[in-house]
């Protein structure tokens, strides 16, 4: 969201030649989960391991 300004995003569309399935990947949304879950606490993970 760029304050309601026009924005272009590149989509990658891939077709599986064996199964015939199609997938769509948007590289701009690769970190979208951080919006909902936040970044991980690496120190906590290291202590738990």
Protein backbone atom coordinates (compact mmCIF):
# COMPACT_ATOMS: atom_id res chain seq x y z
CA UNK A 1 0.00 0.00 0.00
CA UNK A 2 1.62 3.18 -1.17
CA UNK A 3 -1.02 5.64 0.03
CA UNK A 4 -3.46 4.64 -2.71
CA UNK A 5 -0.93 5.26 -5.51
CA UNK A 6 -0.83 2.91 -8.47
CA UNK A 7 1.54 0.00 -7.95
CA UNK A 8 2.67 -2.82 -10.26
CA UNK A 9 3.63 -6.29 -9.08
CA UNK A 10 5.19 -9.07 -11.11
CA UNK A 11 3.59 -12.51 -10.93
CA UNK A 12 5.34 -15.73 -11.82
CA UNK A 13 3.02 -18.34 -13.29
CA UNK A 14 4.30 -21.89 -13.51
CA UNK A 15 2.66 -24.95 -15.02
CA UNK A 16 3.66 -28.43 -13.89
CA UNK A 17 4.26 -30.52 -17.03
CA UNK A 18 3.66 -33.83 -15.23
CA UNK A 19 0.54 -33.12 -13.20
CA UNK A 20 -0.85 -30.21 -15.23
CA UNK A 21 -1.27 -27.99 -12.18
CA UNK A 22 -0.69 -24.26 -12.29
CA UNK A 23 0.82 -22.16 -9.50
CA UNK A 24 1.03 -18.40 -9.15
CA UNK A 25 3.83 -16.81 -7.12
CA UNK A 26 4.03 -13.14 -6.16
CA UNK A 27 7.57 -12.34 -4.88
CA UNK A 28 6.26 -9.12 -3.31
CA UNK A 29 4.23 -11.17 -0.80
CA UNK A 30 7.02 -13.50 0.35
CA UNK A 31 7.10 -11.87 3.81
CA UNK A 32 3.32 -11.43 4.17
CA UNK A 33 3.13 -13.83 7.13
CA UNK A 34 5.20 -11.40 9.21
CA UNK A 35 2.28 -8.96 9.08
CA UNK A 36 0.16 -11.45 11.03
CA UNK A 37 2.72 -13.36 13.13
CA UNK A 38 5.60 -10.88 13.50
CA UNK A 39 9.23 -11.82 13.16
CA UNK A 40 10.61 -14.82 15.00
CA UNK A 41 12.48 -14.52 18.28
CA UNK A 42 15.76 -16.23 17.37
CA UNK A 43 17.09 -16.03 20.94
CA UNK A 44 14.05 -17.91 22.27
CA UNK A 45 14.42 -20.58 19.58
CA UNK A 46 18.11 -21.04 20.41
CA UNK A 47 17.28 -21.42 24.13
CA UNK A 48 14.57 -23.99 23.41
CA UNK A 49 16.91 -26.04 21.20
